[in-house]
């Protein structure tokens, strides 16, 4: 009987640790946001947009320019970074060749105090009016870049999508062909898994299970 209990508890521990390990790093939420956006465009008979990692990194720098000020996004106090910041700060921070910067043809920006997943962020935060839909379906867009970031790794959370009409593979080009990865935050098209969407509630339940298993082992074997 003791051997059966031992096997069951070891199995529970392995499952708990495995699940917790898998949850530490999530798929990139910015990539997921672009996937939702493109699916929405194609369903509306609009073309799918090229996910440009250089433009996406610029979107992350765009978020960081707000310095965690959620109140500056939308409403009467809405602000946006100066155009000069693209050349002076955003491009250098991403390792983007300034000569390859293309005009931004639209932006979607949102901020919330709690983290939500890409589909919900898209429908409930970024697409909030007919103007947002006009931006989404604009035929002048050829490429897109998305970014997601918390402030200092936590609340509030920002979602940003930038659109451009630049030529694929010749706009927002990085020095050496590799866009700089910066943290905190995630940006799309970088082939980078990002833990910016770490779900602490799910993780907590896993570690609660793990702890319970340890306690049970202690009682079963008099530890």
N, C-alpha and C. Protein backbone atom coordinates (compact mmCIF):
# COMPACT_ATOMS: atom_id res chain seq x y z
N UNK A 1 0.83 -1.21 0.00
CA UNK A 1 0.00 0.00 0.00
C UNK A 1 0.87 1.26 0.00
N UNK A 2 1.91 1.23 0.82
CA UNK A 2 2.81 2.38 0.89
C UNK A 2 3.46 2.65 -0.46
N UNK A 3 3.79 1.56 -1.19
CA UNK A 3 4.41 1.71 -2.51
C UNK A 3 3.46 2.37 -3.49
N UNK A 4 2.17 2.00 -3.41
CA UNK A 4 1.16 2.59 -4.31
C UNK A 4 1.04 4.08 -4.05
N UNK A 5 1.00 4.45 -2.75
CA UNK A 5 0.90 5.88 -2.38
C UNK A 5 2.12 6.63 -2.89
N UNK A 6 3.29 5.99 -2.71
CA UNK A 6 4.54 6.61 -3.17
C UNK A 6 4.50 6.89 -4.67
N UNK A 7 4.08 5.92 -5.47
CA UNK A 7 4.02 6.08 -6.92
C UNK A 7 3.06 7.20 -7.31
N UNK A 8 1.89 7.22 -6.64
CA UNK A 8 0.90 8.25 -6.96
C UNK A 8 1.41 9.64 -6.62
N UNK A 9 2.08 9.77 -5.49
CA UNK A 9 2.60 11.08 -5.08
C UNK A 9 3.73 11.55 -5.97
N UNK A 10 4.61 10.64 -6.36
CA UNK A 10 5.69 11.00 -7.27
C UNK A 10 5.12 11.46 -8.60
N UNK A 11 4.09 10.75 -9.08
CA UNK A 11 3.44 11.14 -10.34
C UNK A 11 2.85 12.54 -10.23
N UNK A 12 2.20 12.81 -9.10
CA UNK A 12 1.59 14.13 -8.88
C UNK A 12 2.65 15.22 -8.86
N UNK A 13 3.78 14.93 -8.22
CA UNK A 13 4.87 15.90 -8.18
C UNK A 13 5.42 16.19 -9.56
N UNK A 14 5.62 15.14 -10.35
CA UNK A 14 6.16 15.31 -11.70
C UNK A 14 5.22 16.13 -12.55
N UNK A 15 3.91 15.84 -12.48
CA UNK A 15 2.92 16.59 -13.25
C UNK A 15 2.89 18.04 -12.83
N UNK A 16 2.96 18.28 -11.50
CA UNK A 16 2.91 19.65 -10.98
C UNK A 16 4.11 20.47 -11.43
N UNK A 17 5.31 19.89 -11.28
CA UNK A 17 6.52 20.60 -11.68
C UNK A 17 6.54 20.83 -13.17
N UNK A 18 6.12 19.84 -13.94
CA UNK A 18 6.09 19.98 -15.40
C UNK A 18 5.17 21.09 -15.83
N UNK A 19 3.98 21.13 -15.22
CA UNK A 19 3.00 22.17 -15.58
C UNK A 19 3.52 23.55 -15.20
N UNK A 20 4.12 23.65 -14.01
CA UNK A 20 4.65 24.94 -13.55
C UNK A 20 5.76 25.42 -14.46
N UNK A 21 6.63 24.50 -14.88
CA UNK A 21 7.74 24.86 -15.77
C UNK A 21 7.22 25.36 -17.10
N UNK A 22 6.21 24.67 -17.64
CA UNK A 22 5.66 25.08 -18.93
C UNK A 22 5.02 26.45 -18.86
N UNK A 23 4.47 26.84 -17.69
CA UNK A 23 3.78 28.11 -17.57
C UNK A 23 4.72 29.28 -17.36
N UNK A 24 5.97 29.00 -17.00
CA UNK A 24 6.89 30.10 -16.73
C UNK A 24 7.11 30.96 -17.97
N UNK A 25 7.19 30.35 -19.13
CA UNK A 25 7.39 31.09 -20.38
C UNK A 25 6.20 30.82 -21.29
N UNK A 26 5.53 31.88 -21.69
CA UNK A 26 4.35 31.73 -22.54
C UNK A 26 4.72 32.03 -23.98
N UNK A 27 3.83 31.73 -24.89
CA UNK A 27 4.01 32.19 -26.25
C UNK A 27 3.92 33.71 -26.26
N UNK A 28 4.52 34.33 -27.26
CA UNK A 28 4.56 35.79 -27.33
C UNK A 28 3.16 36.37 -27.55
N UNK A 29 2.63 37.15 -26.59
CA UNK A 29 1.29 37.71 -26.73
C UNK A 29 1.19 38.73 -27.86
N UNK A 30 2.30 39.35 -28.22
CA UNK A 30 2.28 40.31 -29.34
C UNK A 30 2.07 39.58 -30.66
N UNK A 31 2.68 38.39 -30.80
CA UNK A 31 2.43 37.56 -31.99
C UNK A 31 0.97 37.16 -32.07
N UNK A 32 0.41 36.80 -30.91
CA UNK A 32 -0.99 36.40 -30.86
C UNK A 32 -1.90 37.56 -31.26
N UNK A 33 -1.51 38.77 -30.86
CA UNK A 33 -2.30 39.95 -31.20
C UNK A 33 -2.32 40.19 -32.71
N UNK A 34 -1.17 40.01 -33.36
CA UNK A 34 -1.10 40.17 -34.81
C UNK A 34 -1.94 39.08 -35.50
N UNK A 35 -1.91 37.88 -34.97
CA UNK A 35 -2.68 36.78 -35.56
C UNK A 35 -4.18 37.09 -35.49
N UNK A 36 -4.63 37.62 -34.36
CA UNK A 36 -6.05 37.99 -34.21
C UNK A 36 -6.40 39.11 -35.17
N UNK A 37 -5.51 40.09 -35.27
CA UNK A 37 -5.74 41.24 -36.15
C UNK A 37 -5.84 40.80 -37.61
N UNK A 38 -4.90 39.98 -38.06
CA UNK A 38 -4.91 39.54 -39.45
C UNK A 38 -6.11 38.65 -39.76
N UNK A 39 -6.52 37.83 -38.80
CA UNK A 39 -7.70 36.99 -38.99
C UNK A 39 -8.94 37.86 -39.16
N UNK A 40 -8.99 38.96 -38.40
CA UNK A 40 -10.11 39.88 -38.50
C UNK A 40 -10.12 40.60 -39.83
N UNK A 41 -8.94 40.98 -40.29
CA UNK A 41 -8.85 41.67 -41.59
C UNK A 41 -9.27 40.75 -42.74
N UNK A 42 -8.78 39.54 -42.73
CA UNK A 42 -9.11 38.62 -43.84
C UNK A 42 -10.59 38.25 -43.82
N UNK A 43 -11.18 38.16 -42.62
CA UNK A 43 -12.62 37.89 -42.52
C UNK A 43 -13.43 39.05 -43.09
N UNK A 44 -12.81 40.23 -43.10
CA UNK A 44 -13.47 41.43 -43.62
C UNK A 44 -13.08 41.67 -45.08
N UNK A 45 -12.45 40.67 -45.70
CA UNK A 45 -12.02 40.75 -47.11
C UNK A 45 -10.89 41.75 -47.32
N UNK A 46 -10.14 42.05 -46.26
CA UNK A 46 -8.95 42.90 -46.38
C UNK A 46 -7.72 41.99 -46.39
N UNK A 47 -6.63 42.51 -46.93
CA UNK A 47 -5.42 41.68 -47.03
C UNK A 47 -4.75 41.49 -45.67
N UNK A 48 -4.09 40.36 -45.52
CA UNK A 48 -3.30 40.10 -44.33
C UNK A 48 -2.03 40.95 -44.40
N UNK A 49 -1.56 41.43 -43.27
CA UNK A 49 -0.41 42.33 -43.25
C UNK A 49 0.86 41.60 -42.82
N UNK A 50 1.98 42.02 -43.38
CA UNK A 50 3.28 41.45 -43.03
C UNK A 50 3.66 41.89 -41.62
N UNK A 51 4.04 40.93 -40.79
CA UNK A 51 4.45 41.21 -39.42
C UNK A 51 5.93 41.59 -39.43
N UNK A 52 6.20 42.87 -39.34
CA UNK A 52 7.56 43.39 -39.42
C UNK A 52 8.15 43.55 -38.02
N UNK A 53 9.16 42.77 -37.66
CA UNK A 53 9.73 42.85 -36.31
C UNK A 53 10.36 44.21 -35.99
N UNK A 54 10.89 44.87 -37.01
CA UNK A 54 11.46 46.20 -36.78
C UNK A 54 10.39 47.19 -36.39
N UNK A 55 9.26 47.16 -37.10
CA UNK A 55 8.13 48.04 -36.78
C UNK A 55 7.57 47.67 -35.41
N UNK A 56 7.55 46.37 -35.10
CA UNK A 56 7.04 45.91 -33.82
C UNK A 56 7.90 46.40 -32.66
N UNK A 57 9.21 46.38 -32.85
CA UNK A 57 10.10 46.90 -31.82
C UNK A 57 9.87 48.40 -31.62
N UNK A 58 9.62 49.10 -32.72
CA UNK A 58 9.28 50.52 -32.63
C UNK A 58 8.01 50.69 -31.80
N UNK A 59 7.04 49.78 -31.98
CA UNK A 59 5.79 49.85 -31.21
C UNK A 59 6.06 49.69 -29.72
N UNK A 60 7.02 48.83 -29.37
CA UNK A 60 7.36 48.67 -27.96
C UNK A 60 8.02 49.93 -27.41
N UNK A 61 8.87 50.56 -28.20
CA UNK A 61 9.48 51.83 -27.78
C UNK A 61 8.41 52.91 -27.63
N UNK A 62 7.41 52.85 -28.50
CA UNK A 62 6.28 53.79 -28.46
C UNK A 62 5.57 53.67 -27.11
N UNK A 63 5.35 52.41 -26.67
CA UNK A 63 4.72 52.17 -25.37
C UNK A 63 5.57 52.77 -24.25
N UNK A 64 6.87 52.50 -24.31
CA UNK A 64 7.76 52.93 -23.23
C UNK A 64 7.84 54.45 -23.12
N UNK A 65 7.54 55.15 -24.20
CA UNK A 65 7.57 56.61 -24.18
C UNK A 65 6.50 57.18 -23.24
N UNK A 66 5.48 56.37 -22.92
CA UNK A 66 4.41 56.83 -22.02
C UNK A 66 4.81 56.72 -20.55
N UNK A 67 5.90 56.01 -20.28
CA UNK A 67 6.45 55.90 -18.93
C UNK A 67 5.40 55.47 -17.90
N UNK A 68 4.53 54.54 -18.32
CA UNK A 68 3.54 53.99 -17.41
C UNK A 68 2.34 54.87 -17.14
N UNK A 69 2.22 55.98 -17.85
CA UNK A 69 1.11 56.90 -17.64
C UNK A 69 -0.11 56.47 -18.45
N UNK A 70 -0.95 55.65 -17.84
CA UNK A 70 -2.13 55.12 -18.52
C UNK A 70 -3.11 56.24 -18.85
N UNK A 71 -3.14 57.28 -18.04
CA UNK A 71 -4.06 58.38 -18.24
C UNK A 71 -3.77 59.19 -19.49
N UNK A 72 -2.58 59.02 -20.05
CA UNK A 72 -2.21 59.77 -21.25
C UNK A 72 -2.66 59.06 -22.53
N UNK A 73 -3.30 57.89 -22.37
CA UNK A 73 -3.78 57.11 -23.52
C UNK A 73 -5.30 57.28 -23.63
N UNK A 74 -5.75 57.95 -24.67
CA UNK A 74 -7.18 58.15 -24.87
C UNK A 74 -7.74 59.25 -23.97
N UNK A 75 -8.96 59.67 -24.29
CA UNK A 75 -9.61 60.70 -23.49
C UNK A 75 -9.07 62.09 -23.77
N UNK A 76 -9.54 63.08 -22.99
CA UNK A 76 -9.14 64.47 -23.22
C UNK A 76 -7.65 64.75 -22.97
N UNK A 77 -7.00 63.90 -22.19
CA UNK A 77 -5.59 64.11 -21.88
C UNK A 77 -4.67 63.24 -22.73
N UNK A 78 -5.21 62.70 -23.82
CA UNK A 78 -4.43 61.80 -24.67
C UNK A 78 -3.20 62.50 -25.25
N UNK A 79 -2.12 61.77 -25.29
CA UNK A 79 -0.86 62.29 -25.84
C UNK A 79 -0.29 61.24 -26.76
N UNK A 80 0.72 61.63 -27.52
CA UNK A 80 1.47 60.65 -28.30
C UNK A 80 2.91 61.15 -28.45
N UNK A 81 3.84 60.23 -28.55
CA UNK A 81 5.25 60.62 -28.68
C UNK A 81 5.49 61.50 -29.90
N UNK A 82 6.44 62.40 -29.78
CA UNK A 82 6.78 63.28 -30.90
C UNK A 82 7.39 62.48 -32.04
N UNK A 83 7.16 62.94 -33.26
CA UNK A 83 7.71 62.26 -34.44
C UNK A 83 9.24 62.16 -34.37
N UNK A 84 9.86 63.16 -33.76
CA UNK A 84 11.33 63.17 -33.68
C UNK A 84 11.87 61.99 -32.88
N UNK A 85 11.03 61.45 -31.97
CA UNK A 85 11.51 60.33 -31.14
C UNK A 85 11.75 59.07 -31.95
N UNK A 86 11.08 58.94 -33.09
CA UNK A 86 11.30 57.77 -33.93
C UNK A 86 12.75 57.71 -34.41
N UNK A 87 13.27 58.86 -34.78
CA UNK A 87 14.64 58.94 -35.29
C UNK A 87 15.66 58.99 -34.16
N UNK A 88 15.34 59.77 -33.13
CA UNK A 88 16.31 60.03 -32.07
C UNK A 88 16.39 58.92 -31.02
N UNK A 89 15.30 58.19 -30.80
CA UNK A 89 15.30 57.20 -29.73
C UNK A 89 14.80 55.83 -30.16
N UNK A 90 13.62 55.77 -30.77
CA UNK A 90 13.00 54.47 -31.07
C UNK A 90 13.86 53.60 -31.98
N UNK A 91 14.28 54.17 -33.11
CA UNK A 91 15.09 53.40 -34.07
C UNK A 91 16.43 52.95 -33.46
N UNK A 92 17.19 53.86 -32.82
CA UNK A 92 18.46 53.43 -32.21
C UNK A 92 18.28 52.36 -31.14
N UNK A 93 17.23 52.47 -30.34
CA UNK A 93 17.00 51.49 -29.28
C UNK A 93 16.71 50.10 -29.85
N UNK A 94 16.19 50.05 -31.05
CA UNK A 94 15.86 48.77 -31.70
C UNK A 94 16.95 48.32 -32.66
N UNK A 95 17.95 49.16 -32.88
CA UNK A 95 18.98 48.83 -33.85
C UNK A 95 18.49 48.94 -35.28
N UNK A 96 17.50 49.80 -35.51
CA UNK A 96 16.91 49.98 -36.84
C UNK A 96 17.67 51.07 -37.60
N UNK A 97 17.97 50.82 -38.86
CA UNK A 97 18.60 51.83 -39.70
C UNK A 97 17.61 52.96 -39.95
N UNK A 98 17.97 54.15 -39.54
CA UNK A 98 17.07 55.31 -39.65
C UNK A 98 16.62 55.53 -41.10
N UNK A 99 17.50 55.25 -42.05
CA UNK A 99 17.18 55.47 -43.46
C UNK A 99 16.06 54.56 -43.95
N UNK A 100 15.74 53.50 -43.18
CA UNK A 100 14.70 52.56 -43.62
C UNK A 100 13.36 52.79 -42.92
N UNK A 101 13.29 53.82 -42.07
CA UNK A 101 12.02 54.14 -41.42
C UNK A 101 10.99 54.54 -42.47
N UNK A 102 9.78 54.02 -42.34
CA UNK A 102 8.69 54.35 -43.26
C UNK A 102 7.58 55.05 -42.50
N UNK A 103 6.75 55.85 -43.18
CA UNK A 103 5.67 56.56 -42.50
C UNK A 103 4.71 55.59 -41.80
N UNK A 104 4.26 55.99 -40.62
CA UNK A 104 3.25 55.23 -39.89
C UNK A 104 1.88 55.62 -40.46
N UNK A 105 1.13 54.63 -40.89
CA UNK A 105 -0.17 54.90 -41.52
C UNK A 105 -1.34 54.72 -40.55
N UNK A 106 -1.06 54.30 -39.35
CA UNK A 106 -2.12 54.16 -38.35
C UNK A 106 -1.58 53.57 -37.07
N UNK A 107 -2.32 53.75 -36.00
CA UNK A 107 -1.92 53.16 -34.71
C UNK A 107 -3.17 52.80 -33.92
N UNK A 108 -3.05 51.75 -33.13
CA UNK A 108 -4.06 51.36 -32.16
C UNK A 108 -3.33 51.23 -30.83
N UNK A 109 -3.82 51.93 -29.83
CA UNK A 109 -3.13 51.95 -28.55
C UNK A 109 -4.14 51.86 -27.43
N UNK A 110 -3.87 51.00 -26.45
CA UNK A 110 -4.77 50.88 -25.31
C UNK A 110 -4.01 50.59 -24.04
N UNK A 111 -4.65 50.88 -22.92
CA UNK A 111 -4.02 50.66 -21.62
C UNK A 111 -5.08 50.24 -20.61
N UNK A 112 -4.73 49.27 -19.78
CA UNK A 112 -5.64 48.78 -18.75
C UNK A 112 -4.85 48.43 -17.49
N UNK A 113 -5.54 48.39 -16.36
CA UNK A 113 -4.87 48.09 -15.11
C UNK A 113 -4.61 46.59 -14.93
N UNK A 114 -5.35 45.75 -15.66
CA UNK A 114 -5.12 44.31 -15.54
C UNK A 114 -4.75 43.71 -16.88
N UNK A 115 -4.02 42.60 -16.83
CA UNK A 115 -3.61 41.93 -18.06
C UNK A 115 -4.75 41.08 -18.62
N UNK A 116 -4.95 41.16 -19.92
CA UNK A 116 -5.91 40.29 -20.60
C UNK A 116 -5.20 39.67 -21.80
N UNK A 117 -5.75 38.59 -22.31
CA UNK A 117 -5.13 37.92 -23.44
C UNK A 117 -5.43 38.65 -24.75
N UNK A 118 -4.71 38.26 -25.79
CA UNK A 118 -4.70 39.01 -27.05
C UNK A 118 -6.09 39.25 -27.64
N UNK A 119 -6.92 38.21 -27.73
CA UNK A 119 -8.23 38.36 -28.35
C UNK A 119 -9.08 39.38 -27.62
N UNK A 120 -9.04 39.33 -26.29
CA UNK A 120 -9.82 40.28 -25.49
C UNK A 120 -9.25 41.68 -25.60
N UNK A 121 -7.93 41.80 -25.59
CA UNK A 121 -7.30 43.11 -25.74
C UNK A 121 -7.68 43.74 -27.07
N UNK A 122 -7.69 42.91 -28.11
CA UNK A 122 -8.03 43.39 -29.45
C UNK A 122 -9.47 43.92 -29.50
N UNK A 123 -10.42 43.11 -29.03
CA UNK A 123 -11.83 43.47 -29.18
C UNK A 123 -12.34 44.47 -28.16
N UNK A 124 -11.78 44.44 -26.94
CA UNK A 124 -12.32 45.28 -25.87
C UNK A 124 -11.50 46.52 -25.54
N UNK A 125 -10.23 46.52 -25.96
CA UNK A 125 -9.37 47.65 -25.61
C UNK A 125 -8.92 48.44 -26.84
N UNK A 126 -8.47 47.73 -27.87
CA UNK A 126 -7.94 48.42 -29.05
C UNK A 126 -9.02 48.85 -30.03
N UNK A 127 -10.03 48.00 -30.22
CA UNK A 127 -11.12 48.34 -31.15
C UNK A 127 -12.30 48.87 -30.35
N UNK A 128 -12.33 50.16 -30.14
CA UNK A 128 -13.33 50.74 -29.26
C UNK A 128 -14.29 51.71 -29.97
N UNK A 129 -14.09 51.91 -31.27
CA UNK A 129 -14.95 52.86 -31.99
C UNK A 129 -14.89 52.60 -33.48
N UNK A 130 -15.75 53.29 -34.22
CA UNK A 130 -15.74 53.16 -35.68
C UNK A 130 -14.42 53.68 -36.25
N UNK A 131 -13.81 54.64 -35.57
CA UNK A 131 -12.52 55.16 -36.01
C UNK A 131 -11.45 54.07 -35.94
N UNK A 132 -11.52 53.26 -34.88
CA UNK A 132 -10.57 52.16 -34.73
C UNK A 132 -10.73 51.15 -35.87
N UNK A 133 -11.97 50.89 -36.25
CA UNK A 133 -12.24 49.96 -37.35
C UNK A 133 -11.73 50.52 -38.68
N UNK A 134 -11.87 51.84 -38.85
CA UNK A 134 -11.36 52.47 -40.08
C UNK A 134 -9.84 52.29 -40.17
N UNK A 135 -9.17 52.44 -39.02
CA UNK A 135 -7.72 52.25 -38.99
C UNK A 135 -7.37 50.80 -39.28
N UNK A 136 -8.10 49.88 -38.67
CA UNK A 136 -7.83 48.45 -38.84
C UNK A 136 -7.93 48.02 -40.31
N UNK A 137 -8.96 48.51 -41.01
CA UNK A 137 -9.22 48.05 -42.37
C UNK A 137 -8.65 48.95 -43.47
N UNK A 138 -7.86 49.94 -43.06
CA UNK A 138 -7.29 50.88 -44.03
C UNK A 138 -6.49 50.12 -45.10
N UNK A 139 -6.75 50.41 -46.35
CA UNK A 139 -6.10 49.70 -47.46
C UNK A 139 -4.68 50.17 -47.72
N UNK A 140 -4.28 51.27 -47.06
CA UNK A 140 -2.91 51.77 -47.27
C UNK A 140 -1.88 51.01 -46.44
N UNK A 141 -2.35 50.20 -45.47
CA UNK A 141 -1.41 49.43 -44.66
C UNK A 141 -0.84 48.26 -45.46
N UNK A 142 0.44 48.02 -45.30
CA UNK A 142 1.06 46.83 -45.90
C UNK A 142 1.75 45.96 -44.84
N UNK A 143 2.09 46.57 -43.72
CA UNK A 143 2.77 45.84 -42.66
C UNK A 143 2.30 46.31 -41.29
N UNK A 144 2.56 45.47 -40.32
CA UNK A 144 2.07 45.74 -38.97
C UNK A 144 3.13 45.31 -37.97
N UNK A 145 3.11 45.92 -36.81
CA UNK A 145 3.97 45.52 -35.71
C UNK A 145 3.22 45.74 -34.41
N UNK A 146 3.25 44.76 -33.53
CA UNK A 146 2.50 44.86 -32.28
C UNK A 146 3.43 44.69 -31.09
N UNK A 147 3.05 45.30 -29.98
CA UNK A 147 3.84 45.18 -28.75
C UNK A 147 2.91 45.16 -27.55
N UNK A 148 3.34 44.47 -26.52
CA UNK A 148 2.60 44.37 -25.26
C UNK A 148 3.59 44.54 -24.13
N UNK A 149 3.24 45.38 -23.16
CA UNK A 149 4.16 45.56 -22.04
C UNK A 149 3.45 46.08 -20.81
N UNK A 150 3.93 45.62 -19.66
CA UNK A 150 3.50 46.21 -18.40
C UNK A 150 4.47 47.31 -18.03
N UNK A 151 4.13 48.08 -17.03
CA UNK A 151 5.01 49.15 -16.57
C UNK A 151 5.92 48.58 -15.49
N UNK A 152 7.21 48.59 -15.73
CA UNK A 152 8.18 47.95 -14.84
C UNK A 152 7.83 46.49 -14.63
N UNK A 153 7.27 45.86 -15.69
CA UNK A 153 6.94 44.45 -15.62
C UNK A 153 5.59 44.16 -14.99
N UNK A 154 4.83 45.20 -14.59
CA UNK A 154 3.53 45.01 -13.95
C UNK A 154 2.50 46.00 -14.45
N UNK A 155 1.44 46.18 -13.67
CA UNK A 155 0.34 47.07 -14.05
C UNK A 155 0.80 48.53 -14.04
N UNK A 156 0.23 49.39 -14.93
CA UNK A 156 -0.77 49.08 -15.96
C UNK A 156 -0.14 48.41 -17.18
N UNK A 157 -1.00 47.82 -18.01
CA UNK A 157 -0.55 47.10 -19.20
C UNK A 157 -0.93 47.88 -20.45
N UNK A 158 0.03 47.94 -21.37
CA UNK A 158 -0.17 48.66 -22.63
C UNK A 158 -0.16 47.68 -23.81
N UNK A 159 -1.04 47.95 -24.78
CA UNK A 159 -1.07 47.21 -26.04
C UNK A 159 -0.94 48.23 -27.15
N UNK A 160 -0.04 47.99 -28.07
CA UNK A 160 0.17 48.94 -29.16
C UNK A 160 0.32 48.21 -30.49
N UNK A 161 -0.37 48.70 -31.49
CA UNK A 161 -0.23 48.19 -32.86
C UNK A 161 0.08 49.38 -33.76
N UNK A 162 1.18 49.27 -34.50
CA UNK A 162 1.54 50.31 -35.46
C UNK A 162 1.43 49.72 -36.87
N UNK A 163 0.89 50.53 -37.79
CA UNK A 163 0.77 50.13 -39.18
C UNK A 163 1.66 51.01 -40.04
N UNK A 164 2.13 50.46 -41.14
CA UNK A 164 2.95 51.23 -42.07
C UNK A 164 2.62 50.81 -43.50
N UNK A 165 2.91 51.69 -44.42
CA UNK A 165 2.73 51.37 -45.83
C UNK A 165 4.04 51.08 -46.51
N UNK A 166 5.06 50.75 -45.73
CA UNK A 166 6.38 50.50 -46.28
C UNK A 166 6.47 49.22 -47.09
N UNK A 167 7.56 49.06 -47.80
CA UNK A 167 7.77 47.87 -48.62
C UNK A 167 8.33 46.73 -47.76
N UNK A 168 7.71 45.58 -47.89
CA UNK A 168 8.12 44.41 -47.11
C UNK A 168 9.61 44.11 -47.31
N UNK A 169 10.30 43.87 -46.20
CA UNK A 169 11.73 43.52 -46.18
C UNK A 169 12.67 44.67 -46.52
N UNK A 170 12.13 45.85 -46.76
CA UNK A 170 13.03 46.98 -47.02
C UNK A 170 12.70 48.19 -46.15
N UNK A 171 11.78 48.02 -45.22
CA UNK A 171 11.48 49.10 -44.27
C UNK A 171 11.69 48.58 -42.85
N UNK A 172 12.09 49.48 -41.96
CA UNK A 172 12.39 49.15 -40.57
C UNK A 172 13.40 48.00 -40.49
N UNK A 173 14.47 48.14 -41.24
CA UNK A 173 15.50 47.10 -41.32
C UNK A 173 16.52 47.28 -40.21
N UNK A 174 16.85 46.20 -39.55
CA UNK A 174 17.79 46.24 -38.43
C UNK A 174 19.23 46.10 -38.91
N UNK A 175 20.13 46.75 -38.21
CA UNK A 175 21.55 46.59 -38.48
C UNK A 175 21.92 45.12 -38.25
N UNK A 176 22.59 44.51 -39.22
CA UNK A 176 22.96 43.11 -39.09
C UNK A 176 21.80 42.16 -39.26
N UNK A 177 20.62 42.70 -39.56
CA UNK A 177 19.45 41.84 -39.81
C UNK A 177 18.75 41.33 -38.57
N UNK A 178 19.20 41.74 -37.39
CA UNK A 178 18.59 41.26 -36.15
C UNK A 178 18.13 42.44 -35.29
N UNK A 179 16.83 42.46 -34.99
CA UNK A 179 16.28 43.54 -34.17
C UNK A 179 16.66 43.30 -32.71
N UNK A 180 17.03 44.36 -32.01
CA UNK A 180 17.40 44.24 -30.61
C UNK A 180 16.20 43.83 -29.77
N UNK A 181 16.40 42.84 -28.89
CA UNK A 181 15.36 42.43 -27.95
C UNK A 181 15.52 43.25 -26.68
N UNK A 182 14.46 43.95 -26.28
CA UNK A 182 14.52 44.77 -25.08
C UNK A 182 13.44 44.33 -24.11
N UNK A 183 13.70 44.47 -22.84
CA UNK A 183 12.76 44.11 -21.80
C UNK A 183 12.57 45.30 -20.85
N UNK A 184 11.43 45.41 -20.15
CA UNK A 184 10.30 44.49 -20.22
C UNK A 184 9.48 44.73 -21.47
N UNK A 185 8.65 43.76 -21.78
CA UNK A 185 7.75 43.87 -22.92
C UNK A 185 8.04 42.87 -24.01
N UNK A 186 7.07 42.67 -24.87
CA UNK A 186 7.15 41.72 -25.98
C UNK A 186 6.81 42.45 -27.27
N UNK A 187 7.47 42.06 -28.36
CA UNK A 187 7.04 42.59 -29.65
C UNK A 187 6.97 41.46 -30.66
N UNK A 188 6.13 41.64 -31.66
CA UNK A 188 5.82 40.57 -32.60
C UNK A 188 6.91 40.39 -33.66
N UNK A 189 6.90 39.20 -34.27
CA UNK A 189 7.79 38.93 -35.38
C UNK A 189 9.22 38.64 -35.02
N UNK A 190 9.52 38.54 -33.73
CA UNK A 190 10.91 38.40 -33.30
C UNK A 190 11.31 36.95 -33.05
N UNK A 191 10.40 36.01 -33.28
CA UNK A 191 10.67 34.59 -32.99
C UNK A 191 11.15 34.44 -31.55
N UNK A 192 10.50 35.18 -30.66
CA UNK A 192 10.94 35.23 -29.28
C UNK A 192 9.77 34.91 -28.35
N UNK A 193 9.93 33.87 -27.53
CA UNK A 193 8.92 33.60 -26.52
C UNK A 193 9.10 34.62 -25.41
N UNK A 194 7.98 35.10 -24.88
CA UNK A 194 8.05 36.21 -23.95
C UNK A 194 7.19 35.93 -22.74
N UNK A 195 7.71 36.22 -21.55
CA UNK A 195 6.99 35.93 -20.32
C UNK A 195 6.19 37.13 -19.83
N UNK A 196 5.96 38.10 -20.70
CA UNK A 196 5.22 39.28 -20.29
C UNK A 196 3.79 39.00 -19.93
N UNK A 197 3.27 37.84 -20.35
CA UNK A 197 1.88 37.48 -20.08
C UNK A 197 1.79 36.39 -19.03
N UNK A 198 2.77 36.32 -18.19
CA UNK A 198 2.81 35.25 -17.18
C UNK A 198 1.56 35.29 -16.32
N UNK A 199 0.85 34.17 -16.26
CA UNK A 199 -0.41 34.08 -15.55
C UNK A 199 -0.15 33.58 -14.13
N UNK A 200 -0.03 34.53 -13.19
CA UNK A 200 0.30 34.15 -11.82
C UNK A 200 -0.80 33.35 -11.16
N UNK A 201 -2.07 33.58 -11.52
CA UNK A 201 -3.16 32.86 -10.89
C UNK A 201 -3.08 31.38 -11.21
N UNK A 202 -2.77 31.05 -12.48
CA UNK A 202 -2.64 29.66 -12.86
C UNK A 202 -1.41 29.05 -12.21
N UNK A 203 -0.32 29.82 -12.18
CA UNK A 203 0.91 29.31 -11.58
C UNK A 203 0.71 29.00 -10.10
N UNK A 204 -0.02 29.89 -9.42
CA UNK A 204 -0.24 29.71 -8.00
C UNK A 204 -0.98 28.42 -7.72
N UNK A 205 -1.96 28.09 -8.55
CA UNK A 205 -2.72 26.86 -8.33
C UNK A 205 -1.84 25.64 -8.53
N UNK A 206 -0.91 25.72 -9.49
CA UNK A 206 0.00 24.61 -9.72
C UNK A 206 0.91 24.41 -8.52
N UNK A 207 1.48 25.52 -8.02
CA UNK A 207 2.39 25.38 -6.89
C UNK A 207 1.65 25.00 -5.61
N UNK A 208 0.35 25.35 -5.52
CA UNK A 208 -0.45 24.90 -4.38
C UNK A 208 -0.57 23.38 -4.43
N UNK A 209 -0.77 22.86 -5.63
CA UNK A 209 -0.86 21.41 -5.81
C UNK A 209 0.47 20.75 -5.45
N UNK A 210 1.55 21.38 -5.88
CA UNK A 210 2.90 20.88 -5.60
C UNK A 210 3.15 20.82 -4.09
N UNK A 211 2.76 21.92 -3.41
CA UNK A 211 2.96 21.98 -1.97
C UNK A 211 2.13 20.94 -1.25
N UNK A 212 0.87 20.78 -1.70
CA UNK A 212 -0.01 19.78 -1.10
C UNK A 212 0.59 18.39 -1.21
N UNK A 213 1.17 18.11 -2.38
CA UNK A 213 1.79 16.80 -2.59
C UNK A 213 2.96 16.59 -1.63
N UNK A 214 3.75 17.62 -1.42
CA UNK A 214 4.87 17.50 -0.49
C UNK A 214 4.40 17.22 0.93
N UNK A 215 3.35 17.94 1.34
CA UNK A 215 2.81 17.73 2.68
C UNK A 215 2.28 16.32 2.83
N UNK A 216 1.58 15.86 1.80
CA UNK A 216 1.03 14.50 1.83
C UNK A 216 2.14 13.48 1.96
N UNK A 217 3.23 13.70 1.26
CA UNK A 217 4.37 12.78 1.35
C UNK A 217 4.93 12.77 2.77
N UNK A 218 4.94 13.95 3.36
CA UNK A 218 5.46 14.03 4.72
C UNK A 218 4.64 13.20 5.69
N UNK A 219 3.30 13.31 5.57
CA UNK A 219 2.43 12.54 6.44
C UNK A 219 2.52 11.05 6.14
N UNK A 220 2.60 10.69 4.87
CA UNK A 220 2.60 9.28 4.47
C UNK A 220 3.85 8.55 4.96
N UNK A 221 4.97 9.27 4.97
CA UNK A 221 6.21 8.61 5.30
C UNK A 221 6.85 9.11 6.59
N UNK A 222 6.06 9.90 7.34
CA UNK A 222 6.55 10.35 8.63
C UNK A 222 7.73 11.27 8.55
N UNK A 223 7.82 12.09 7.47
CA UNK A 223 8.97 12.99 7.28
C UNK A 223 8.82 14.24 8.16
